[in-house]
């Protein structure tokens, strides 16, 4: 296992990780960008389909 450099030992964990720890196990953390489990095959296939059709942008967060 890798050991952190000694000059990083005084650095605290990020605020997003602190918030995630408070959220509990029943939540799905999307803030760090990694899901805890592999995606089901139908979801992976839809993702591949979206990339192939050029749907590579985030959806709008503007209310419609």
N, C-alpha and C. Protein backbone atom coordinates (compact mmCIF):
# COMPACT_ATOMS: atom_id res chain seq x y z
N UNK A 1 0.84 -1.18 0.00
CA UNK A 1 0.00 0.00 0.00
C UNK A 1 0.89 1.24 0.00
N UNK A 2 0.48 2.25 -0.75
CA UNK A 2 1.23 3.49 -0.81
C UNK A 2 1.07 4.27 0.49
N UNK A 3 2.13 4.93 0.89
CA UNK A 3 2.08 5.78 2.08
C UNK A 3 2.12 7.24 1.62
N UNK A 4 1.31 8.10 2.25
CA UNK A 4 1.34 9.52 1.85
C UNK A 4 2.67 10.17 2.21
N UNK A 5 3.03 11.15 1.41
CA UNK A 5 4.23 11.92 1.70
C UNK A 5 4.08 12.62 3.04
N UNK A 6 5.16 12.77 3.75
CA UNK A 6 5.11 13.36 5.09
C UNK A 6 4.58 14.80 5.07
N UNK A 7 4.82 15.54 3.99
CA UNK A 7 4.35 16.93 3.95
C UNK A 7 2.84 17.04 3.76
N UNK A 8 2.15 15.93 3.51
CA UNK A 8 0.70 15.94 3.38
C UNK A 8 0.00 15.51 4.67
N UNK A 9 0.71 15.09 5.66
CA UNK A 9 0.11 14.53 6.87
C UNK A 9 -0.75 15.52 7.64
N UNK A 10 -0.46 16.80 7.56
CA UNK A 10 -1.24 17.79 8.30
C UNK A 10 -2.47 18.30 7.57
N UNK A 11 -2.68 17.84 6.35
CA UNK A 11 -3.81 18.31 5.54
C UNK A 11 -5.05 17.50 5.89
N UNK A 12 -6.15 18.19 6.16
CA UNK A 12 -7.40 17.55 6.51
C UNK A 12 -8.10 17.03 5.25
N UNK A 13 -9.07 16.14 5.41
CA UNK A 13 -9.83 15.66 4.26
C UNK A 13 -10.69 16.80 3.70
N UNK A 14 -11.08 16.69 2.45
CA UNK A 14 -11.84 17.76 1.81
C UNK A 14 -13.23 17.91 2.42
N UNK A 15 -13.81 19.08 2.23
CA UNK A 15 -15.15 19.36 2.76
C UNK A 15 -16.19 18.44 2.13
N UNK A 16 -16.04 18.13 0.84
CA UNK A 16 -17.02 17.25 0.19
C UNK A 16 -16.97 15.86 0.80
N UNK A 17 -15.79 15.39 1.17
CA UNK A 17 -15.69 14.07 1.81
C UNK A 17 -16.27 14.11 3.22
N UNK A 18 -16.11 15.21 3.92
CA UNK A 18 -16.72 15.35 5.26
C UNK A 18 -18.24 15.31 5.15
N UNK A 19 -18.79 16.04 4.17
CA UNK A 19 -20.24 16.06 3.98
C UNK A 19 -20.75 14.68 3.60
N UNK A 20 -20.01 13.98 2.76
CA UNK A 20 -20.40 12.63 2.36
C UNK A 20 -20.43 11.69 3.56
N UNK A 21 -19.48 11.82 4.45
CA UNK A 21 -19.44 10.98 5.65
C UNK A 21 -20.65 11.23 6.54
N UNK A 22 -21.12 12.46 6.58
CA UNK A 22 -22.29 12.80 7.39
C UNK A 22 -23.60 12.30 6.76
N UNK A 23 -23.60 12.11 5.45
CA UNK A 23 -24.83 11.75 4.74
C UNK A 23 -25.32 10.35 5.08
N UNK A 24 -24.43 9.45 5.39
CA UNK A 24 -24.84 8.10 5.75
C UNK A 24 -24.81 7.13 4.60
N UNK A 25 -24.98 5.86 4.94
CA UNK A 25 -24.84 4.78 3.97
C UNK A 25 -26.02 4.67 3.01
N UNK A 26 -27.15 5.26 3.33
CA UNK A 26 -28.33 5.11 2.47
C UNK A 26 -28.34 6.09 1.30
N UNK A 27 -27.34 6.94 1.20
CA UNK A 27 -27.28 7.91 0.11
C UNK A 27 -26.31 7.44 -0.97
N UNK A 28 -26.50 7.96 -2.17
CA UNK A 28 -25.58 7.69 -3.27
C UNK A 28 -24.76 8.94 -3.48
N UNK A 29 -23.47 8.83 -3.32
CA UNK A 29 -22.58 9.97 -3.45
C UNK A 29 -22.23 10.20 -4.91
N UNK A 30 -22.67 11.31 -5.46
CA UNK A 30 -22.30 11.69 -6.82
C UNK A 30 -21.29 12.83 -6.82
N UNK A 31 -20.95 13.33 -5.65
CA UNK A 31 -20.04 14.47 -5.55
C UNK A 31 -18.61 14.16 -5.88
N UNK A 32 -18.17 12.98 -5.58
CA UNK A 32 -16.78 12.63 -5.83
C UNK A 32 -16.62 12.03 -7.22
N UNK A 33 -17.71 11.60 -7.82
CA UNK A 33 -17.66 11.10 -9.19
C UNK A 33 -17.45 9.62 -9.32
N UNK A 34 -17.52 8.89 -8.24
CA UNK A 34 -17.35 7.45 -8.30
C UNK A 34 -18.49 6.77 -7.57
N UNK A 35 -19.13 5.85 -8.26
CA UNK A 35 -20.20 5.08 -7.63
C UNK A 35 -19.58 3.92 -6.85
N UNK A 36 -20.25 3.44 -5.81
CA UNK A 36 -19.67 2.37 -5.00
C UNK A 36 -19.70 1.01 -5.68
N UNK A 37 -20.55 0.82 -6.67
CA UNK A 37 -20.69 -0.47 -7.34
C UNK A 37 -20.58 -0.29 -8.85
N UNK A 38 -20.36 -1.41 -9.55
CA UNK A 38 -20.37 -1.37 -11.00
C UNK A 38 -21.78 -1.07 -11.49
N UNK A 39 -21.86 -0.41 -12.64
CA UNK A 39 -23.17 -0.11 -13.22
C UNK A 39 -23.77 -1.38 -13.80
N UNK A 40 -25.08 -1.54 -13.70
CA UNK A 40 -25.74 -2.69 -14.34
C UNK A 40 -25.56 -2.61 -15.87
N UNK A 41 -25.56 -3.76 -16.51
CA UNK A 41 -25.33 -3.81 -17.95
C UNK A 41 -26.30 -2.95 -18.76
N UNK A 42 -27.61 -2.92 -18.45
CA UNK A 42 -28.51 -2.04 -19.23
C UNK A 42 -28.12 -0.56 -19.14
N UNK A 43 -27.64 -0.13 -17.99
CA UNK A 43 -27.21 1.26 -17.83
C UNK A 43 -25.95 1.51 -18.65
N UNK A 44 -25.00 0.58 -18.61
CA UNK A 44 -23.78 0.72 -19.41
C UNK A 44 -24.12 0.79 -20.90
N UNK A 45 -25.04 -0.07 -21.34
CA UNK A 45 -25.42 -0.08 -22.76
C UNK A 45 -26.06 1.23 -23.18
N UNK A 46 -26.90 1.81 -22.32
CA UNK A 46 -27.51 3.11 -22.64
C UNK A 46 -26.45 4.20 -22.72
N UNK A 47 -25.45 4.13 -21.85
CA UNK A 47 -24.35 5.09 -21.90
C UNK A 47 -23.57 4.99 -23.20
N UNK A 48 -23.27 3.77 -23.61
CA UNK A 48 -22.56 3.55 -24.87
C UNK A 48 -23.39 4.08 -26.03
N UNK A 49 -24.69 3.79 -26.00
CA UNK A 49 -25.60 4.28 -27.05
C UNK A 49 -25.60 5.81 -27.11
N UNK A 50 -25.62 6.46 -25.95
CA UNK A 50 -25.61 7.92 -25.90
C UNK A 50 -24.32 8.49 -26.48
N UNK A 51 -23.18 7.90 -26.13
CA UNK A 51 -21.91 8.38 -26.68
C UNK A 51 -21.87 8.21 -28.19
N UNK A 52 -22.31 7.09 -28.67
CA UNK A 52 -22.28 6.84 -30.12
C UNK A 52 -23.19 7.79 -30.89
N UNK A 53 -24.28 8.23 -30.26
CA UNK A 53 -25.19 9.15 -30.95
C UNK A 53 -24.82 10.61 -30.73
N UNK A 54 -23.72 10.87 -30.02
CA UNK A 54 -23.25 12.23 -29.82
C UNK A 54 -23.81 12.94 -28.61
N UNK A 55 -24.53 12.24 -27.76
CA UNK A 55 -25.09 12.85 -26.55
C UNK A 55 -24.02 12.84 -25.46
N UNK A 56 -23.14 13.83 -25.52
CA UNK A 56 -22.00 13.84 -24.60
C UNK A 56 -21.97 15.07 -23.70
N UNK A 57 -23.06 15.80 -23.61
CA UNK A 57 -23.10 17.00 -22.78
C UNK A 57 -23.98 16.76 -21.56
N UNK A 58 -23.73 17.54 -20.53
CA UNK A 58 -24.61 17.50 -19.36
C UNK A 58 -25.97 18.06 -19.74
N UNK A 59 -27.01 17.59 -19.07
CA UNK A 59 -28.33 18.19 -19.28
C UNK A 59 -28.35 19.56 -18.62
N UNK A 60 -29.25 20.40 -19.09
CA UNK A 60 -29.37 21.75 -18.54
C UNK A 60 -29.89 21.69 -17.12
N UNK A 61 -29.37 22.56 -16.27
CA UNK A 61 -29.89 22.65 -14.90
C UNK A 61 -30.86 23.82 -14.76
N UNK A 62 -31.17 24.46 -15.88
CA UNK A 62 -32.12 25.57 -15.90
C UNK A 62 -33.54 25.01 -15.86
N UNK A 63 -34.37 25.63 -15.02
CA UNK A 63 -35.76 25.18 -14.94
C UNK A 63 -36.47 25.42 -16.26
N UNK A 64 -37.31 24.47 -16.65
CA UNK A 64 -38.07 24.63 -17.90
C UNK A 64 -39.55 24.59 -17.63
